[in-house]
N, C-alpha and C. Protein backbone atom coordinates (compact mmCIF):
# COMPACT_ATOMS: atom_id res chain seq x y z
N UNK A 1 41.59 -70.52 -87.46
CA UNK A 1 40.89 -69.86 -86.37
C UNK A 1 41.73 -69.99 -85.10
N UNK A 2 41.92 -68.89 -84.41
CA UNK A 2 42.75 -68.89 -83.20
C UNK A 2 42.03 -69.55 -82.02
N UNK A 3 42.81 -69.98 -81.06
CA UNK A 3 42.24 -70.62 -79.87
C UNK A 3 41.30 -69.67 -79.12
N UNK A 4 41.69 -68.41 -79.01
CA UNK A 4 40.83 -67.45 -78.30
C UNK A 4 39.47 -67.33 -78.98
N UNK A 5 39.46 -67.36 -80.31
CA UNK A 5 38.19 -67.28 -81.03
C UNK A 5 37.34 -68.53 -80.77
N UNK A 6 37.97 -69.69 -80.73
CA UNK A 6 37.24 -70.92 -80.41
C UNK A 6 36.71 -70.87 -78.98
N UNK A 7 37.51 -70.30 -78.06
CA UNK A 7 37.08 -70.17 -76.67
C UNK A 7 35.88 -69.24 -76.53
N UNK A 8 35.86 -68.18 -77.32
CA UNK A 8 34.74 -67.24 -77.30
C UNK A 8 33.46 -67.93 -77.78
N UNK A 9 33.57 -68.69 -78.86
CA UNK A 9 32.40 -69.41 -79.35
C UNK A 9 31.93 -70.45 -78.34
N UNK A 10 32.87 -71.10 -77.68
CA UNK A 10 32.51 -72.08 -76.65
C UNK A 10 31.78 -71.39 -75.50
N UNK A 11 32.21 -70.20 -75.13
CA UNK A 11 31.55 -69.44 -74.06
C UNK A 11 30.11 -69.11 -74.48
N UNK A 12 29.92 -68.78 -75.74
CA UNK A 12 28.58 -68.44 -76.22
C UNK A 12 27.66 -69.66 -76.26
N UNK A 13 28.21 -70.85 -76.35
CA UNK A 13 27.39 -72.07 -76.35
C UNK A 13 26.89 -72.41 -74.96
N UNK A 14 27.58 -71.93 -73.94
CA UNK A 14 27.22 -72.28 -72.57
C UNK A 14 25.97 -71.53 -72.11
N UNK A 15 25.26 -72.15 -71.19
CA UNK A 15 24.12 -71.49 -70.58
C UNK A 15 24.54 -70.89 -69.25
N UNK A 16 24.07 -69.72 -68.96
CA UNK A 16 24.42 -69.05 -67.70
C UNK A 16 23.15 -68.73 -66.93
N UNK A 17 23.24 -68.84 -65.62
CA UNK A 17 22.06 -68.61 -64.78
C UNK A 17 21.66 -67.14 -64.73
N UNK A 18 22.62 -66.26 -64.97
CA UNK A 18 22.33 -64.83 -64.95
C UNK A 18 23.36 -64.10 -65.80
N UNK A 19 23.03 -62.89 -66.27
CA UNK A 19 24.01 -62.13 -67.04
C UNK A 19 25.30 -61.87 -66.27
N UNK A 20 25.19 -61.65 -64.98
CA UNK A 20 26.38 -61.40 -64.17
C UNK A 20 27.32 -62.60 -64.15
N UNK A 21 26.76 -63.80 -64.18
CA UNK A 21 27.58 -65.01 -64.19
C UNK A 21 28.39 -65.10 -65.47
N UNK A 22 27.79 -64.70 -66.56
CA UNK A 22 28.50 -64.74 -67.85
C UNK A 22 29.65 -63.74 -67.86
N UNK A 23 29.39 -62.51 -67.43
CA UNK A 23 30.43 -61.50 -67.41
C UNK A 23 31.59 -61.91 -66.49
N UNK A 24 31.26 -62.52 -65.37
CA UNK A 24 32.29 -63.01 -64.45
C UNK A 24 33.14 -64.09 -65.12
N UNK A 25 32.49 -65.01 -65.82
CA UNK A 25 33.21 -66.08 -66.52
C UNK A 25 34.09 -65.51 -67.63
N UNK A 26 33.60 -64.50 -68.31
CA UNK A 26 34.39 -63.85 -69.37
C UNK A 26 35.67 -63.28 -68.78
N UNK A 27 35.54 -62.58 -67.65
CA UNK A 27 36.72 -61.99 -67.00
C UNK A 27 37.68 -63.06 -66.50
N UNK A 28 37.13 -64.05 -65.79
CA UNK A 28 37.98 -65.04 -65.13
C UNK A 28 38.59 -66.04 -66.10
N UNK A 29 37.80 -66.53 -67.05
CA UNK A 29 38.27 -67.60 -67.92
C UNK A 29 38.98 -67.08 -69.17
N UNK A 30 38.54 -65.95 -69.70
CA UNK A 30 39.14 -65.43 -70.92
C UNK A 30 40.04 -64.23 -70.69
N UNK A 31 39.93 -63.63 -69.50
CA UNK A 31 40.77 -62.47 -69.20
C UNK A 31 40.41 -61.25 -70.01
N UNK A 32 39.14 -61.13 -70.36
CA UNK A 32 38.67 -60.01 -71.18
C UNK A 32 37.64 -59.19 -70.43
N UNK A 33 37.64 -57.90 -70.70
CA UNK A 33 36.55 -57.05 -70.22
C UNK A 33 35.31 -57.40 -71.03
N UNK A 34 34.14 -57.39 -70.41
CA UNK A 34 32.93 -57.75 -71.15
C UNK A 34 32.71 -56.93 -72.43
N UNK A 35 33.03 -55.65 -72.40
CA UNK A 35 32.84 -54.82 -73.60
C UNK A 35 33.71 -55.36 -74.74
N UNK A 36 34.96 -55.65 -74.45
CA UNK A 36 35.86 -56.19 -75.47
C UNK A 36 35.38 -57.56 -75.95
N UNK A 37 34.91 -58.37 -75.03
CA UNK A 37 34.40 -59.70 -75.37
C UNK A 37 33.27 -59.58 -76.40
N UNK A 38 32.31 -58.70 -76.15
CA UNK A 38 31.19 -58.56 -77.06
C UNK A 38 31.60 -57.96 -78.39
N UNK A 39 32.63 -57.12 -78.40
CA UNK A 39 33.18 -56.62 -79.66
C UNK A 39 33.73 -57.78 -80.48
N UNK A 40 34.46 -58.68 -79.82
CA UNK A 40 35.04 -59.84 -80.50
C UNK A 40 33.96 -60.80 -80.98
N UNK A 41 32.92 -61.00 -80.15
CA UNK A 41 31.81 -61.86 -80.57
C UNK A 41 31.19 -61.30 -81.84
N UNK A 42 30.92 -60.02 -81.85
CA UNK A 42 30.29 -59.40 -83.01
C UNK A 42 31.15 -59.55 -84.26
N UNK A 43 32.45 -59.39 -84.13
CA UNK A 43 33.35 -59.56 -85.26
C UNK A 43 33.35 -61.01 -85.76
N UNK A 44 33.27 -61.95 -84.83
CA UNK A 44 33.25 -63.37 -85.21
C UNK A 44 32.01 -63.72 -86.03
N UNK A 45 30.92 -63.03 -85.79
CA UNK A 45 29.68 -63.35 -86.50
C UNK A 45 29.81 -63.10 -88.00
N UNK A 46 30.76 -62.25 -88.39
CA UNK A 46 30.98 -61.95 -89.81
C UNK A 46 32.18 -62.69 -90.37
N UNK A 47 32.77 -63.58 -89.59
CA UNK A 47 33.96 -64.32 -90.01
C UNK A 47 33.56 -65.70 -90.54
N UNK A 48 33.84 -65.98 -91.81
CA UNK A 48 33.47 -67.27 -92.38
C UNK A 48 34.10 -68.46 -91.65
N UNK A 49 35.27 -68.27 -91.04
CA UNK A 49 35.91 -69.35 -90.29
C UNK A 49 35.08 -69.71 -89.06
N UNK A 50 34.49 -68.71 -88.43
CA UNK A 50 33.65 -68.97 -87.25
C UNK A 50 32.40 -69.74 -87.67
N UNK A 51 31.82 -69.36 -88.79
CA UNK A 51 30.64 -70.06 -89.28
C UNK A 51 30.97 -71.51 -89.60
N UNK A 52 32.11 -71.74 -90.18
CA UNK A 52 32.54 -73.11 -90.50
C UNK A 52 32.80 -73.92 -89.23
N UNK A 53 33.38 -73.27 -88.22
CA UNK A 53 33.73 -73.96 -86.97
C UNK A 53 32.50 -74.32 -86.14
N UNK A 54 31.54 -73.39 -86.04
CA UNK A 54 30.38 -73.60 -85.18
C UNK A 54 29.14 -72.94 -85.80
N UNK A 55 28.60 -73.55 -86.86
CA UNK A 55 27.48 -72.90 -87.56
C UNK A 55 26.23 -72.70 -86.71
N UNK A 56 25.95 -73.61 -85.80
CA UNK A 56 24.74 -73.48 -84.98
C UNK A 56 24.82 -72.23 -84.10
N UNK A 57 25.93 -72.07 -83.41
CA UNK A 57 26.10 -70.92 -82.52
C UNK A 57 26.15 -69.62 -83.30
N UNK A 58 26.93 -69.58 -84.37
CA UNK A 58 27.07 -68.35 -85.16
C UNK A 58 25.72 -67.95 -85.75
N UNK A 59 24.99 -68.89 -86.31
CA UNK A 59 23.69 -68.54 -86.89
C UNK A 59 22.69 -68.08 -85.84
N UNK A 60 22.72 -68.70 -84.65
CA UNK A 60 21.83 -68.26 -83.56
C UNK A 60 22.16 -66.83 -83.16
N UNK A 61 23.45 -66.53 -83.01
CA UNK A 61 23.85 -65.18 -82.61
C UNK A 61 23.56 -64.16 -83.71
N UNK A 62 23.68 -64.56 -84.95
CA UNK A 62 23.33 -63.65 -86.05
C UNK A 62 21.84 -63.31 -86.01
N UNK A 63 20.99 -64.32 -85.73
CA UNK A 63 19.55 -64.05 -85.63
C UNK A 63 19.25 -63.08 -84.50
N UNK A 64 19.91 -63.26 -83.36
CA UNK A 64 19.71 -62.35 -82.22
C UNK A 64 20.15 -60.94 -82.61
N UNK A 65 21.32 -60.84 -83.23
CA UNK A 65 21.84 -59.52 -83.63
C UNK A 65 20.89 -58.85 -84.62
N UNK A 66 20.42 -59.61 -85.61
CA UNK A 66 19.52 -59.04 -86.62
C UNK A 66 18.20 -58.59 -85.99
N UNK A 67 17.69 -59.37 -85.04
CA UNK A 67 16.45 -58.99 -84.36
C UNK A 67 16.63 -57.70 -83.58
N UNK A 68 17.77 -57.56 -82.94
CA UNK A 68 18.03 -56.33 -82.17
C UNK A 68 18.17 -55.12 -83.08
N UNK A 69 18.80 -55.33 -84.22
CA UNK A 69 18.93 -54.23 -85.19
C UNK A 69 17.56 -53.80 -85.70
N UNK A 70 16.67 -54.76 -85.88
CA UNK A 70 15.33 -54.47 -86.35
C UNK A 70 14.50 -53.68 -85.36
N UNK A 71 14.84 -53.79 -84.08
CA UNK A 71 14.12 -53.08 -83.02
C UNK A 71 14.50 -51.60 -82.98
N UNK A 72 15.66 -51.28 -83.51
CA UNK A 72 16.16 -49.89 -83.42
C UNK A 72 15.58 -49.01 -84.49
């Protein structure tokens, strides 16, 4: 698993006071546009290496993604 992927999972573990704070941190700390960041997060959710590295975060995000898909 690459360092950037570990950094993305670490960002997802953090709590943010507002959505804007998270997007700002994504830009400043990871150097990514928020849209690209969320594309990478979504790809990580299907990566077995990500699940092995951080099962709590990956499973939480999978539940959120599945719930959103169910709403559509």
